[in-house]
Amino acid sequence: MDLRIQKTRQLLKDALVSLTLENGYDHVTIKDITKRASVGYNTYFRHYKSKEELLHILLMDGFEKLTPMLIESKQNEDVLENEKRLFNFISNNERLIRVLFESCADLLYEQTKNKIMTGELNNIGFTKLKDELEPLEYDYIVCQFVQSTLTSIRWWLTHKDDISIVQMAKFNQKTIGHFMQWKQV
């Protein structure tokens, strides 16, 4: 891809992130985005059809960044180390994560759930559970796990000055343990 195109797209993404954090996603217009990015209004539409498409691209970019880390975690059985890696990722990508929660929490939930259900994110022990549980029960536990994880992330973002990555990783490790014991209950 041409460097100018990459630069323009990055400017537009950065503008959407900044404006969403400042004003809330619903209050951001394409005109605001182009003004912040110093990009012509018509140029925006050469790259994206709508504000929602740009947001969706941000979500997919987030998953593209997250997936290699999760694949690496798959090879590591140490749940605490995997959780530390997750919360480091969140800390390093905080602005993006905050925007995704602000603007498309439902889509974030659905995408995460679907990636677990299809096995794309199977590093956290759900493959084994899928074989042990009835389909409806498996769907339920994945939904609960995803919602719990997203809630934990959101909670940590509001308390991160008080709780270290290591402490939060330990909290989440305990939560994951409860989900993995589901079959035993």
N, C-alpha and C. Protein backbone atom coordinates (compact mmCIF):
# COMPACT_ATOMS: atom_id res chain seq x y z
N MET A 1 0.86 -1.18 0.00
CA MET A 1 0.00 0.00 0.00
C MET A 1 0.90 1.24 0.00
N ASP A 2 0.51 2.20 -0.77
CA ASP A 2 1.23 3.48 -0.89
C ASP A 2 1.39 4.13 0.49
N LEU A 3 2.57 4.67 0.75
CA LEU A 3 2.85 5.31 2.04
C LEU A 3 1.91 6.47 2.34
N ARG A 4 1.53 7.22 1.31
CA ARG A 4 0.60 8.34 1.52
C ARG A 4 -0.76 7.84 1.99
N ILE A 5 -1.20 6.74 1.41
CA ILE A 5 -2.48 6.16 1.81
C ILE A 5 -2.39 5.67 3.26
N GLN A 6 -1.30 4.98 3.60
CA GLN A 6 -1.11 4.52 4.97
C GLN A 6 -1.10 5.68 5.95
N LYS A 7 -0.40 6.75 5.59
CA LYS A 7 -0.30 7.91 6.47
C LYS A 7 -1.67 8.56 6.66
N THR A 8 -2.41 8.72 5.57
CA THR A 8 -3.74 9.34 5.66
C THR A 8 -4.66 8.50 6.53
N ARG A 9 -4.65 7.20 6.31
CA ARG A 9 -5.51 6.32 7.11
C ARG A 9 -5.14 6.36 8.59
N GLN A 10 -3.84 6.40 8.87
CA GLN A 10 -3.42 6.47 10.27
C GLN A 10 -3.83 7.80 10.90
N LEU A 11 -3.72 8.88 10.14
CA LEU A 11 -4.16 10.19 10.65
C LEU A 11 -5.65 10.18 10.98
N LEU A 12 -6.44 9.56 10.12
CA LEU A 12 -7.89 9.48 10.35
C LEU A 12 -8.21 8.61 11.57
N LYS A 13 -7.51 7.49 11.70
CA LYS A 13 -7.72 6.63 12.88
C LYS A 13 -7.35 7.36 14.16
N ASP A 14 -6.19 8.01 14.14
CA ASP A 14 -5.74 8.75 15.33
C ASP A 14 -6.73 9.86 15.70
N ALA A 15 -7.25 10.53 14.67
CA ALA A 15 -8.21 11.61 14.91
C ALA A 15 -9.48 11.05 15.55
N LEU A 16 -9.98 9.93 15.03
CA LEU A 16 -11.18 9.32 15.61
C LEU A 16 -10.94 8.93 17.06
N VAL A 17 -9.80 8.34 17.35
CA VAL A 17 -9.49 7.94 18.72
C VAL A 17 -9.47 9.16 19.64
N SER A 18 -8.73 10.19 19.26
CA SER A 18 -8.61 11.39 20.10
C SER A 18 -9.96 12.07 20.32
N LEU A 19 -10.70 12.24 19.25
CA LEU A 19 -12.00 12.92 19.35
C LEU A 19 -13.00 12.11 20.17
N THR A 20 -12.97 10.79 20.03
CA THR A 20 -13.89 9.96 20.80
C THR A 20 -13.57 10.05 22.29
N LEU A 21 -12.28 10.05 22.62
CA LEU A 21 -11.90 10.17 24.02
C LEU A 21 -12.28 11.54 24.58
N GLU A 22 -12.22 12.57 23.75
CA GLU A 22 -12.55 13.92 24.20
C GLU A 22 -14.05 14.18 24.29
N ASN A 23 -14.79 13.70 23.28
CA ASN A 23 -16.20 14.11 23.14
C ASN A 23 -17.21 12.97 23.19
N GLY A 24 -16.75 11.74 23.13
CA GLY A 24 -17.67 10.62 22.99
C GLY A 24 -17.94 10.34 21.53
N TYR A 25 -18.01 9.08 21.18
CA TYR A 25 -18.15 8.66 19.79
C TYR A 25 -19.37 9.28 19.10
N ASP A 26 -20.49 9.31 19.80
CA ASP A 26 -21.73 9.82 19.19
C ASP A 26 -21.65 11.30 18.84
N HIS A 27 -20.73 12.02 19.46
CA HIS A 27 -20.61 13.46 19.20
C HIS A 27 -19.52 13.80 18.19
N VAL A 28 -18.92 12.79 17.61
CA VAL A 28 -17.85 13.00 16.62
C VAL A 28 -18.45 12.88 15.22
N THR A 29 -18.14 13.84 14.37
CA THR A 29 -18.59 13.79 12.98
C THR A 29 -17.40 13.54 12.06
N ILE A 30 -17.70 13.17 10.85
CA ILE A 30 -16.64 12.99 9.85
C ILE A 30 -15.92 14.30 9.62
N LYS A 31 -16.66 15.37 9.64
CA LYS A 31 -16.04 16.69 9.48
C LYS A 31 -15.02 16.96 10.60
N ASP A 32 -15.39 16.60 11.83
CA ASP A 32 -14.46 16.73 12.96
C ASP A 32 -13.20 15.90 12.73
N ILE A 33 -13.40 14.68 12.26
CA ILE A 33 -12.27 13.77 12.04
C ILE A 33 -11.32 14.34 11.00
N THR A 34 -11.89 14.79 9.88
CA THR A 34 -11.03 15.31 8.80
C THR A 34 -10.32 16.59 9.22
N LYS A 35 -11.00 17.41 9.99
CA LYS A 35 -10.36 18.65 10.46
C LYS A 35 -9.19 18.32 11.38
N ARG A 36 -9.41 17.40 12.34
CA ARG A 36 -8.35 17.02 13.28
C ARG A 36 -7.17 16.38 12.54
N ALA A 37 -7.48 15.58 11.52
CA ALA A 37 -6.43 14.87 10.78
C ALA A 37 -5.77 15.74 9.71
N SER A 38 -6.31 16.94 9.50
CA SER A 38 -5.84 17.83 8.43
C SER A 38 -5.90 17.13 7.07
N VAL A 39 -7.06 16.50 6.85
CA VAL A 39 -7.33 15.77 5.62
C VAL A 39 -8.62 16.33 5.03
N GLY A 40 -8.66 16.44 3.73
CA GLY A 40 -9.86 16.95 3.07
C GLY A 40 -11.07 16.06 3.32
N TYR A 41 -12.23 16.69 3.41
CA TYR A 41 -13.48 15.96 3.67
C TYR A 41 -13.72 14.89 2.61
N ASN A 42 -13.57 15.25 1.34
CA ASN A 42 -13.78 14.28 0.25
C ASN A 42 -12.74 13.17 0.26
N THR A 43 -11.54 13.48 0.73
CA THR A 43 -10.49 12.47 0.82
C THR A 43 -10.91 11.36 1.77
N TYR A 44 -11.61 11.72 2.83
CA TYR A 44 -12.08 10.72 3.80
C TYR A 44 -12.82 9.60 3.09
N PHE A 45 -13.69 9.96 2.15
CA PHE A 45 -14.55 8.98 1.49
C PHE A 45 -13.81 8.16 0.44
N ARG A 46 -12.60 8.51 0.13
CA ARG A 46 -11.76 7.65 -0.71
C ARG A 46 -11.23 6.47 0.10
N HIS A 47 -11.26 6.63 1.41
CA HIS A 47 -10.73 5.59 2.29
C HIS A 47 -11.81 4.84 3.05
N TYR A 48 -12.85 5.55 3.48
CA TYR A 48 -13.89 4.94 4.29
C TYR A 48 -15.27 5.44 3.84
N LYS A 49 -16.27 4.57 3.94
CA LYS A 49 -17.63 4.93 3.55
C LYS A 49 -18.35 5.71 4.63
N SER A 50 -17.96 5.45 5.88
CA SER A 50 -18.68 6.05 7.01
C SER A 50 -17.78 6.08 8.24
N LYS A 51 -18.26 6.75 9.26
CA LYS A 51 -17.56 6.77 10.55
C LYS A 51 -17.58 5.36 11.15
N GLU A 52 -18.66 4.64 10.95
CA GLU A 52 -18.78 3.29 11.49
C GLU A 52 -17.76 2.35 10.86
N GLU A 53 -17.50 2.53 9.56
CA GLU A 53 -16.49 1.68 8.90
C GLU A 53 -15.10 1.95 9.50
N LEU A 54 -14.77 3.21 9.73
CA LEU A 54 -13.49 3.54 10.34
C LEU A 54 -13.39 2.91 11.73
N LEU A 55 -14.47 2.98 12.49
CA LEU A 55 -14.49 2.36 13.82
C LEU A 55 -14.29 0.85 13.71
N HIS A 56 -14.96 0.23 12.76
CA HIS A 56 -14.83 -1.21 12.58
C HIS A 56 -13.38 -1.57 12.23
N ILE A 57 -12.73 -0.76 11.41
CA ILE A 57 -11.32 -0.98 11.06
C ILE A 57 -10.47 -0.89 12.33
N LEU A 58 -10.76 0.08 13.20
CA LEU A 58 -10.04 0.19 14.47
C LEU A 58 -10.20 -1.09 15.30
N LEU A 59 -11.41 -1.61 15.35
CA LEU A 59 -11.67 -2.83 16.09
C LEU A 59 -10.86 -3.99 15.52
N MET A 60 -10.86 -4.11 14.20
CA MET A 60 -10.11 -5.19 13.56
C MET A 60 -8.61 -5.01 13.76
N ASP A 61 -8.14 -3.77 13.74
CA ASP A 61 -6.72 -3.49 14.02
C ASP A 61 -6.37 -3.93 15.43
N GLY A 62 -7.27 -3.67 16.37
CA GLY A 62 -7.04 -4.09 17.75
C GLY A 62 -6.91 -5.60 17.85
N PHE A 63 -7.80 -6.33 17.16
CA PHE A 63 -7.71 -7.79 17.18
C PHE A 63 -6.44 -8.27 16.48
N GLU A 64 -6.03 -7.58 15.42
CA GLU A 64 -4.79 -7.96 14.73
C GLU A 64 -3.58 -7.81 15.65
N LYS A 65 -3.60 -6.78 16.48
CA LYS A 65 -2.51 -6.59 17.44
C LYS A 65 -2.59 -7.61 18.57
N LEU A 66 -3.79 -7.93 18.98
CA LEU A 66 -4.00 -8.82 20.13
C LEU A 66 -3.77 -10.29 19.78
N THR A 67 -4.15 -10.70 18.59
CA THR A 67 -4.11 -12.11 18.22
C THR A 67 -2.71 -12.73 18.33
N PRO A 68 -1.64 -12.09 17.83
CA PRO A 68 -0.31 -12.72 17.99
C PRO A 68 0.07 -12.92 19.46
N MET A 69 -0.32 -11.99 20.30
CA MET A 69 -0.03 -12.11 21.72
C MET A 69 -0.79 -13.31 22.29
N LEU A 70 -2.03 -13.50 21.86
CA LEU A 70 -2.81 -14.63 22.35
C LEU A 70 -2.29 -15.96 21.82
N ILE A 71 -1.82 -15.95 20.57
CA ILE A 71 -1.24 -17.18 20.01
C ILE A 71 0.02 -17.56 20.78
N GLU A 72 0.84 -16.56 21.10
CA GLU A 72 2.03 -16.80 21.90
C GLU A 72 1.63 -17.35 23.27
N SER A 73 0.56 -16.81 23.83
CA SER A 73 0.08 -17.27 25.13
C SER A 73 -0.38 -18.72 25.07
N LYS A 74 -0.89 -19.12 23.91
CA LYS A 74 -1.39 -20.49 23.74
C LYS A 74 -0.31 -21.52 24.06
N GLN A 75 0.91 -21.17 23.75
CA GLN A 75 2.02 -22.09 23.97
C GLN A 75 2.52 -22.04 25.41
N ASN A 76 2.02 -21.11 26.18
CA ASN A 76 2.45 -20.92 27.55
C ASN A 76 1.31 -21.34 28.48
N GLU A 77 1.52 -22.36 29.27
CA GLU A 77 0.50 -22.87 30.17
C GLU A 77 0.32 -22.02 31.42
N ASP A 78 1.23 -21.10 31.67
CA ASP A 78 1.20 -20.28 32.88
C ASP A 78 0.14 -19.19 32.74
N VAL A 79 -1.02 -19.41 33.38
CA VAL A 79 -2.14 -18.49 33.25
C VAL A 79 -1.77 -17.09 33.75
N LEU A 80 -1.02 -17.01 34.83
CA LEU A 80 -0.64 -15.70 35.37
C LEU A 80 0.20 -14.93 34.35
N GLU A 81 1.15 -15.58 33.72
CA GLU A 81 1.98 -14.91 32.71
C GLU A 81 1.13 -14.46 31.53
N ASN A 82 0.17 -15.28 31.14
CA ASN A 82 -0.72 -14.90 30.04
C ASN A 82 -1.56 -13.69 30.41
N GLU A 83 -2.03 -13.66 31.65
CA GLU A 83 -2.83 -12.52 32.11
C GLU A 83 -1.98 -11.25 32.19
N LYS A 84 -0.74 -11.38 32.64
CA LYS A 84 0.16 -10.21 32.65
C LYS A 84 0.35 -9.69 31.23
N ARG A 85 0.53 -10.60 30.30
CA ARG A 85 0.71 -10.21 28.90
C ARG A 85 -0.54 -9.47 28.40
N LEU A 86 -1.71 -9.97 28.74
CA LEU A 86 -2.96 -9.32 28.34
C LEU A 86 -3.06 -7.91 28.90
N PHE A 87 -2.80 -7.75 30.19
CA PHE A 87 -2.95 -6.43 30.79
C PHE A 87 -1.83 -5.47 30.38
N ASN A 88 -0.67 -6.00 30.03
CA ASN A 88 0.36 -5.15 29.42
C ASN A 88 -0.11 -4.64 28.06
N PHE A 89 -0.72 -5.53 27.28
CA PHE A 89 -1.26 -5.13 25.99
C PHE A 89 -2.31 -4.03 26.17
N ILE A 90 -3.19 -4.22 27.12
CA ILE A 90 -4.24 -3.23 27.38
C ILE A 90 -3.62 -1.90 27.79
N SER A 91 -2.63 -1.96 28.66
CA SER A 91 -1.96 -0.74 29.10
C SER A 91 -1.28 -0.02 27.93
N ASN A 92 -0.63 -0.79 27.06
CA ASN A 92 0.07 -0.21 25.92
C ASN A 92 -0.86 0.30 24.83
N ASN A 93 -2.09 -0.18 24.84
CA ASN A 93 -3.08 0.22 23.83
C ASN A 93 -4.32 0.83 24.48
N GLU A 94 -4.10 1.50 25.60
CA GLU A 94 -5.21 2.00 26.40
C GLU A 94 -6.15 2.91 25.63
N ARG A 95 -5.62 3.83 24.86
CA ARG A 95 -6.48 4.76 24.12
C ARG A 95 -7.42 4.00 23.17
N LEU A 96 -6.87 3.05 22.44
CA LEU A 96 -7.69 2.26 21.53
C LEU A 96 -8.74 1.46 22.29
N ILE A 97 -8.35 0.83 23.37
CA ILE A 97 -9.28 0.02 24.17
C ILE A 97 -10.41 0.90 24.72
N ARG A 98 -10.06 2.07 25.22
CA ARG A 98 -11.09 2.98 25.74
C ARG A 98 -12.09 3.38 24.65
N VAL A 99 -11.58 3.65 23.46
CA VAL A 99 -12.46 4.03 22.34
C VAL A 99 -13.37 2.87 21.98
N LEU A 100 -12.85 1.66 21.95
CA LEU A 100 -13.67 0.51 21.61
C LEU A 100 -14.77 0.30 22.65
N PHE A 101 -14.45 0.47 23.93
CA PHE A 101 -15.49 0.37 24.96
C PHE A 101 -16.50 1.49 24.82
N GLU A 102 -16.04 2.69 24.52
CA GLU A 102 -16.91 3.87 24.40
C GLU A 102 -17.86 3.73 23.21
N SER A 103 -17.36 3.18 22.12
CA SER A 103 -18.11 3.29 20.87
C SER A 103 -18.72 1.99 20.37
N CYS A 104 -18.15 0.87 20.73
CA CYS A 104 -18.69 -0.37 20.14
C CYS A 104 -18.53 -1.56 21.08
N ALA A 105 -18.91 -1.39 22.32
CA ALA A 105 -18.76 -2.46 23.31
C ALA A 105 -19.50 -3.73 22.88
N ASP A 106 -20.69 -3.58 22.29
CA ASP A 106 -21.45 -4.76 21.86
C ASP A 106 -20.72 -5.51 20.75
N LEU A 107 -20.17 -4.76 19.81
CA LEU A 107 -19.41 -5.38 18.72
C LEU A 107 -18.14 -6.05 19.25
N LEU A 108 -17.48 -5.40 20.17
CA LEU A 108 -16.29 -5.97 20.81
C LEU A 108 -16.64 -7.29 21.49
N TYR A 109 -17.76 -7.30 22.20
CA TYR A 109 -18.24 -8.53 22.85
C TYR A 109 -18.50 -9.63 21.82
N GLU A 110 -19.26 -9.29 20.78
CA GLU A 110 -19.62 -10.29 19.76
C GLU A 110 -18.40 -10.84 19.04
N GLN A 111 -17.48 -9.95 18.67
CA GLN A 111 -16.27 -10.39 17.96
C GLN A 111 -15.44 -11.32 18.84
N THR A 112 -15.29 -10.97 20.10
CA THR A 112 -14.50 -11.80 21.02
C THR A 112 -15.17 -13.15 21.22
N LYS A 113 -16.47 -13.13 21.46
CA LYS A 113 -17.21 -14.38 21.65
C LYS A 113 -17.10 -15.26 20.41
N ASN A 114 -17.27 -14.68 19.24
CA ASN A 114 -17.20 -15.45 18.00
C ASN A 114 -15.82 -16.06 17.79
N LYS A 115 -14.78 -15.31 18.14
CA LYS A 115 -13.42 -15.84 17.98
C LYS A 115 -13.17 -17.02 18.91
N ILE A 116 -13.76 -17.01 20.09
CA ILE A 116 -13.63 -18.16 20.99
C ILE A 116 -14.48 -19.31 20.47
N MET A 117 -15.71 -19.03 20.07
CA MET A 117 -16.62 -20.09 19.62
C MET A 117 -16.08 -20.81 18.38
N THR A 118 -15.42 -20.08 17.50
CA THR A 118 -14.89 -20.69 16.27
C THR A 118 -13.51 -21.32 16.50
N GLY A 119 -12.96 -21.15 17.69
CA GLY A 119 -11.66 -21.74 17.98
C GLY A 119 -10.48 -20.85 17.61
N GLU A 120 -10.76 -19.67 17.06
CA GLU A 120 -9.67 -18.77 16.68
C GLU A 120 -8.88 -18.31 17.90
N LEU A 121 -9.57 -18.13 19.01
CA LEU A 121 -8.92 -17.81 20.29
C LEU A 121 -9.16 -18.98 21.23
N ASN A 122 -8.38 -20.01 21.07
CA ASN A 122 -8.62 -21.21 21.88
C ASN A 122 -7.52 -21.45 22.89
N ASN A 123 -6.76 -20.41 23.20
CA ASN A 123 -5.62 -20.58 24.09
C ASN A 123 -5.98 -20.60 25.56
N ILE A 124 -7.22 -20.39 25.90
CA ILE A 124 -7.56 -20.23 27.31
C ILE A 124 -8.32 -21.42 27.86
N GLY A 125 -8.24 -22.55 27.18
CA GLY A 125 -8.81 -23.77 27.72
C GLY A 125 -10.23 -24.07 27.27
N PHE A 126 -10.79 -23.26 26.41
CA PHE A 126 -12.18 -23.49 26.01
C PHE A 126 -12.34 -24.65 25.05
N THR A 127 -11.30 -25.03 24.34
CA THR A 127 -11.39 -26.16 23.43
C THR A 127 -11.75 -27.42 24.22
N LYS A 128 -11.10 -27.60 25.35
CA LYS A 128 -11.38 -28.75 26.20
C LYS A 128 -12.81 -28.70 26.73
N LEU A 129 -13.23 -27.52 27.18
CA LEU A 129 -14.60 -27.38 27.69
C LEU A 129 -15.63 -27.67 26.60
N LYS A 130 -15.33 -27.25 25.38
CA LYS A 130 -16.28 -27.47 24.27
C LYS A 130 -16.57 -28.96 24.10
N ASP A 131 -15.54 -29.78 24.30
CA ASP A 131 -15.71 -31.22 24.16
C ASP A 131 -16.46 -31.83 25.34
N GLU A 132 -16.44 -31.15 26.49
CA GLU A 132 -17.04 -31.71 27.70
C GLU A 132 -18.47 -31.24 27.96
N LEU A 133 -18.87 -30.13 27.35
CA LEU A 133 -20.17 -29.53 27.66
C LEU A 133 -21.16 -29.68 26.51
N GLU A 134 -22.43 -29.59 26.86
CA GLU A 134 -23.48 -29.53 25.84
C GLU A 134 -23.34 -28.19 25.09
N PRO A 135 -23.73 -28.11 23.83
CA PRO A 135 -23.55 -26.87 23.05
C PRO A 135 -24.14 -25.62 23.71
N LEU A 136 -25.34 -25.72 24.26
CA LEU A 136 -25.96 -24.57 24.90
C LEU A 136 -25.20 -24.16 26.16
N GLU A 137 -24.75 -25.13 26.92
CA GLU A 137 -23.98 -24.86 28.13
C GLU A 137 -22.64 -24.21 27.76
N TYR A 138 -22.01 -24.71 26.70
CA TYR A 138 -20.74 -24.13 26.24
C TYR A 138 -20.94 -22.68 25.80
N ASP A 139 -22.00 -22.44 25.05
CA ASP A 139 -22.30 -21.07 24.61
C ASP A 139 -22.48 -20.15 25.82
N TYR A 140 -23.18 -20.65 26.81
CA TYR A 140 -23.42 -19.86 28.03
C TYR A 140 -22.11 -19.51 28.73
N ILE A 141 -21.24 -20.50 28.92
CA ILE A 141 -20.01 -20.26 29.67
C ILE A 141 -19.08 -19.32 28.89
N VAL A 142 -19.06 -19.43 27.57
CA VAL A 142 -18.24 -18.51 26.76
C VAL A 142 -18.79 -17.09 26.90
N CYS A 143 -20.11 -16.93 26.84
CA CYS A 143 -20.72 -15.61 27.00
C CYS A 143 -20.36 -15.01 28.36
N GLN A 144 -20.46 -15.81 29.40
CA GLN A 144 -20.13 -15.34 30.74
C GLN A 144 -18.66 -14.96 30.85
N PHE A 145 -17.80 -15.78 30.27
CA PHE A 145 -16.36 -15.52 30.31
C PHE A 145 -16.02 -14.21 29.59
N VAL A 146 -16.55 -14.03 28.39
CA VAL A 146 -16.25 -12.83 27.60
C VAL A 146 -16.75 -11.59 28.34
N GLN A 147 -17.98 -11.65 28.82
CA GLN A 147 -18.53 -10.49 29.54
C GLN A 147 -17.72 -10.19 30.79
N SER A 148 -17.35 -11.22 31.51
CA SER A 148 -16.54 -11.03 32.72
C SER A 148 -15.18 -10.42 32.39
N THR A 149 -14.54 -10.91 31.34
CA THR A 149 -13.23 -10.39 30.95
C THR A 149 -13.33 -8.93 30.53
N LEU A 150 -14.32 -8.61 29.71
CA LEU A 150 -14.49 -7.22 29.26
C LEU A 150 -14.81 -6.31 30.44
N THR A 151 -15.62 -6.80 31.35
CA THR A 151 -15.94 -6.01 32.55
C THR A 151 -14.69 -5.81 33.40
N SER A 152 -13.88 -6.84 33.53
CA SER A 152 -12.62 -6.72 34.28
C SER A 152 -11.69 -5.69 33.66
N ILE A 153 -11.60 -5.72 32.35
CA ILE A 153 -10.74 -4.76 31.64
C ILE A 153 -11.25 -3.34 31.87
N ARG A 154 -12.54 -3.16 31.69
CA ARG A 154 -13.12 -1.83 31.89
C ARG A 154 -12.91 -1.35 33.33
N TRP A 155 -13.12 -2.25 34.27
CA TRP A 155 -12.93 -1.90 35.68
C TRP A 155 -11.47 -1.50 35.93
N TRP A 156 -10.54 -2.29 35.40
CA TRP A 156 -9.13 -2.00 35.62
C TRP A 156 -8.74 -0.65 35.02
N LEU A 157 -9.29 -0.32 33.87
CA LEU A 157 -8.96 0.98 33.25
C LEU A 157 -9.36 2.15 34.15
N THR A 158 -10.39 1.98 34.96
CA THR A 158 -10.79 3.06 35.87
C THR A 158 -10.02 3.01 37.19
N HIS A 159 -9.33 1.91 37.46
CA HIS A 159 -8.59 1.76 38.72
C HIS A 159 -7.10 1.51 38.50
N LYS A 160 -6.62 1.70 37.30
CA LYS A 160 -5.26 1.26 37.00
C LYS A 160 -4.18 2.03 37.74
N ASP A 161 -4.50 3.20 38.23
CA ASP A 161 -3.51 3.94 39.04
C ASP A 161 -3.35 3.31 40.43
N ASP A 162 -4.35 2.54 40.85
CA ASP A 162 -4.33 1.93 42.17
C ASP A 162 -3.94 0.46 42.16
N ILE A 163 -4.03 -0.18 41.00
CA ILE A 163 -3.80 -1.62 40.91
C ILE A 163 -2.82 -1.90 39.78
N SER A 164 -1.75 -2.57 40.11
CA SER A 164 -0.71 -2.85 39.11
C SER A 164 -1.18 -3.92 38.13
N ILE A 165 -0.43 -4.04 37.06
CA ILE A 165 -0.70 -5.08 36.07
C ILE A 165 -0.62 -6.45 36.72
N VAL A 166 0.37 -6.65 37.57
CA VAL A 166 0.54 -7.95 38.23
C VAL A 166 -0.65 -8.26 39.14
N GLN A 167 -1.11 -7.27 39.91
CA GLN A 167 -2.26 -7.50 40.79
C GLN A 167 -3.50 -7.83 39.97
N MET A 168 -3.72 -7.09 38.88
CA MET A 168 -4.90 -7.34 38.06
C MET A 168 -4.80 -8.70 37.38
N ALA A 169 -3.61 -9.06 36.96
CA ALA A 169 -3.41 -10.38 36.35
C ALA A 169 -3.78 -11.48 37.34
N LYS A 170 -3.42 -11.29 38.61
CA LYS A 170 -3.76 -12.27 39.64
C LYS A 170 -5.27 -12.33 39.86
N PHE A 171 -5.94 -11.18 39.88
CA PHE A 171 -7.40 -11.15 40.00
C PHE A 171 -8.03 -11.95 38.85
N ASN A 172 -7.58 -11.66 37.65
CA ASN A 172 -8.17 -12.30 36.47
C ASN A 172 -7.84 -13.79 36.43
N GLN A 173 -6.66 -14.16 36.91
CA GLN A 173 -6.28 -15.56 36.97
C GLN A 173 -7.28 -16.33 37.82
N LYS A 174 -7.68 -15.75 38.94
CA LYS A 174 -8.66 -16.39 39.82
C LYS A 174 -10.01 -16.52 39.11
N THR A 175 -10.39 -15.49 38.38
CA THR A 175 -11.66 -15.53 37.64
C THR A 175 -11.64 -16.64 36.61
N ILE A 176 -10.55 -16.73 35.85
CA ILE A 176 -10.43 -17.77 34.83
C ILE A 176 -10.51 -19.15 35.48
N GLY A 177 -9.90 -19.28 36.65
CA GLY A 177 -9.97 -20.56 37.36
C GLY A 177 -11.40 -20.99 37.63
N HIS A 178 -12.26 -20.04 37.96
CA HIS A 178 -13.67 -20.37 38.21
C HIS A 178 -14.35 -20.88 36.94
N PHE A 179 -14.04 -20.27 35.81
CA PHE A 179 -14.65 -20.72 34.56
C PHE A 179 -14.15 -22.11 34.16
N MET A 180 -12.87 -22.36 34.38
CA MET A 180 -12.29 -23.64 34.00
C MET A 180 -12.78 -24.78 34.89
N GLN A 181 -13.31 -24.44 36.09
CA GLN A 181 -13.85 -25.46 36.99
C GLN A 181 -15.33 -25.72 36.74
N TRP A 182 -15.90 -25.10 35.73
CA TRP A 182 -17.32 -25.19 35.45
C TRP A 182 -17.82 -26.63 35.43
N LYS A 183 -17.12 -27.49 34.75
CA LYS A 183 -17.54 -28.88 34.60
C LYS A 183 -17.59 -29.60 35.94
N GLN A 184 -16.76 -29.16 36.89
CA GLN A 184 -16.68 -29.83 38.18
C GLN A 184 -17.84 -29.49 39.09
N VAL A 185 -18.54 -28.41 38.81
CA VAL A 185 -19.63 -27.96 39.68
C VAL A 185 -20.87 -28.82 39.49
